[in-house]
Amino acid sequence: MSAVNPAPEPSTESPSLPAAPRAGATEKTRAKARVTAGAPDLLKALVEAERFFDGSDDHGCSLHRKILAAIDTVKGGAA
């Protein structure tokens, strides 16, 4: 009789997974473009929120100062 080759045993090693792509220059540029593209809408919303404080007793409070800082940041980033 001839010897029958048994089926190969399954491997106990995990199959190697492909490495996750790293954020390169292209991805960072796209992310910055998305943020910059939304800047006019964000600026509009911040200016509208800032108008709430005009003539208010809360003018100059910490939230108002944060809104003003955010407006400056968005204007600086969009320029």
C-alpha atoms as a PDB file:
ATOM      1  CA  MET A   1       0.000   0.000   0.000  1.00  0.00           C
ATOM      2  CA  SER A   2       1.115   3.492  -0.664  1.00  0.00           C
ATOM      3  CA  ALA A   3       1.378   6.060   2.097  1.00  0.00           C
ATOM      4  CA  VAL A   4      -1.251   8.763   2.036  1.00  0.00           C
ATOM      5  CA  ASN A   5      -0.045  12.248   2.773  1.00  0.00           C
ATOM      6  CA  PRO A   6      -2.130  13.751   5.581  1.00  0.00           C
ATOM      7  CA  ALA A   7      -3.635  17.179   5.061  1.00  0.00           C
ATOM      8  CA  PRO A   8      -1.314  19.951   6.134  1.00  0.00           C
ATOM      9  CA  GLU A   9      -2.028  21.262   9.597  1.00  0.00           C
ATOM     10  CA  PRO A  10      -3.411  24.783   9.785  1.00  0.00           C
ATOM     11  CA  SER A  11      -0.898  27.424  10.718  1.00  0.00           C
ATOM     12  CA  THR A  12      -1.072  28.846  14.228  1.00  0.00           C
ATOM     13  CA  GLU A  13       0.506  32.111  13.140  1.00  0.00           C
ATOM     14  CA  SER A  14      -1.686  35.122  12.469  1.00  0.00           C
ATOM     15  CA  PRO A  15      -1.726  36.244   8.888  1.00  0.00           C
ATOM     16  CA  SER A  16       0.205  39.448   8.522  1.00  0.00           C
ATOM     17  CA  LEU A  17      -1.959  42.518   8.252  1.00  0.00           C
ATOM     18  CA  PRO A  18      -1.078  45.291   5.856  1.00  0.00           C
ATOM     19  CA  ALA A  19       0.399  48.296   7.585  1.00  0.00           C
ATOM     20  CA  ALA A  20      -1.962  51.207   8.086  1.00  0.00           C
ATOM     21  CA  PRO A  21      -1.169  54.094   5.785  1.00  0.00           C
ATOM     22  CA  ARG A  22       0.543  56.986   7.489  1.00  0.00           C
ATOM     23  CA  ALA A  23      -0.723  60.499   7.099  1.00  0.00           C
ATOM     24  CA  GLY A  24       1.608  61.941   4.528  1.00  0.00           C
ATOM     25  CA  ALA A  25       1.828  65.401   3.072  1.00  0.00           C
ATOM     26  CA  THR A  26      -1.103  64.790   0.740  1.00  0.00           C
ATOM     27  CA  GLU A  27      -3.485  63.793   3.524  1.00  0.00           C
ATOM     28  CA  LYS A  28      -2.408  66.737   5.675  1.00  0.00           C
ATOM     29  CA  THR A  29      -2.887  69.115   2.756  1.00  0.00           C
ATOM     30  CA  ARG A  30      -6.364  67.742   2.095  1.00  0.00           C
ATOM     31  CA  ALA A  31      -7.309  68.071   5.766  1.00  0.00           C
ATOM     32  CA  LYS A  32      -6.106  71.673   5.837  1.00  0.00           C
ATOM     33  CA  ALA A  33      -8.032  72.404   2.644  1.00  0.00           C
ATOM     34  CA  ARG A  34     -11.214  71.011   4.184  1.00  0.00           C
ATOM     35  CA  VAL A  35     -10.765  73.192   7.273  1.00  0.00           C
ATOM     36  CA  THR A  36      -9.997  76.269   5.192  1.00  0.00           C
ATOM     37  CA  ALA A  37     -12.992  75.605   2.959  1.00  0.00           C
ATOM     38  CA  GLY A  38     -15.292  75.698   5.982  1.00  0.00           C
ATOM     39  CA  ALA A  39     -13.719  78.882   7.365  1.00  0.00           C
ATOM     40  CA  PRO A  40     -16.213  81.340   5.788  1.00  0.00           C
ATOM     41  CA  ASP A  41     -19.164  79.457   7.314  1.00  0.00           C
ATOM     42  CA  LEU A  42     -17.431  79.248  10.676  1.00  0.00           C
ATOM     43  CA  LEU A  43     -16.501  82.913  10.573  1.00  0.00           C
ATOM     44  CA  LYS A  44     -20.096  83.834   9.758  1.00  0.00           C
ATOM     45  CA  ALA A  45     -21.362  81.784  12.721  1.00  0.00           C
ATOM     46  CA  LEU A  46     -18.777  83.268  15.085  1.00  0.00           C
ATOM     47  CA  VAL A  47     -19.587  86.829  14.032  1.00  0.00           C
ATOM     48  CA  GLU A  48     -23.278  86.115  14.548  1.00  0.00           C
ATOM     49  CA  ALA A  49     -22.540  84.721  18.015  1.00  0.00           C
ATOM     50  CA  GLU A  50     -20.410  87.772  18.814  1.00  0.00           C
ATOM     51  CA  ARG A  51     -23.305  90.072  17.914  1.00  0.00           C
ATOM     52  CA  PHE A  52     -25.256  88.467  20.736  1.00  0.00           C
ATOM     53  CA  PHE A  53     -22.918  90.176  23.195  1.00  0.00           C
ATOM     54  CA  ASP A  54     -23.343  93.685  21.725  1.00  0.00           C
ATOM     55  CA  GLY A  55     -25.042  95.786  24.383  1.00  0.00           C
ATOM     56  CA  SER A  56     -25.245  92.817  26.737  1.00  0.00           C
ATOM     57  CA  ASP A  57     -24.192  92.779  30.380  1.00  0.00           C
ATOM     58  CA  ASP A  58     -22.064  89.760  29.436  1.00  0.00           C
ATOM     59  CA  HIS A  59     -19.956  91.793  26.985  1.00  0.00           C
ATOM     60  CA  GLY A  60     -16.338  90.942  27.774  1.00  0.00           C
ATOM     61  CA  CYS A  61     -17.093  87.712  29.648  1.00  0.00           C
ATOM     62  CA  SER A  62     -14.880  84.684  29.119  1.00  0.00           C
ATOM     63  CA  LEU A  63     -17.157  83.205  26.432  1.00  0.00           C
ATOM     64  CA  HIS A  64     -17.221  86.512  24.554  1.00  0.00           C
ATOM     65  CA  ARG A  65     -13.410  86.716  24.705  1.00  0.00           C
ATOM     66  CA  LYS A  66     -13.149  83.131  23.406  1.00  0.00           C
ATOM     67  CA  ILE A  67     -15.458  83.949  20.511  1.00  0.00           C
ATOM     68  CA  LEU A  68     -13.353  87.016  19.665  1.00  0.00           C
ATOM     69  CA  ALA A  69     -10.177  84.905  19.815  1.00  0.00           C
ATOM     70  CA  ALA A  70     -11.763  82.296  17.546  1.00  0.00           C
ATOM     71  CA  ILE A  71     -12.732  85.016  15.050  1.00  0.00           C
ATOM     72  CA  ASP A  72      -9.128  86.239  14.999  1.00  0.00           C
ATOM     73  CA  THR A  73      -7.864  82.683  14.534  1.00  0.00           C
ATOM     74  CA  VAL A  74     -10.225  81.966  11.646  1.00  0.00           C
ATOM     75  CA  LYS A  75      -9.408  85.259   9.942  1.00  0.00           C
ATOM     76  CA  GLY A  76      -5.692  84.575  10.321  1.00  0.00           C
ATOM     77  CA  GLY A  77      -6.018  80.999   9.074  1.00  0.00           C
ATOM     78  CA  ALA A  78      -8.155  81.891   6.066  1.00  0.00           C
ATOM     79  CA  ALA A  79      -5.879  84.679   4.897  1.00  0.00           C
END
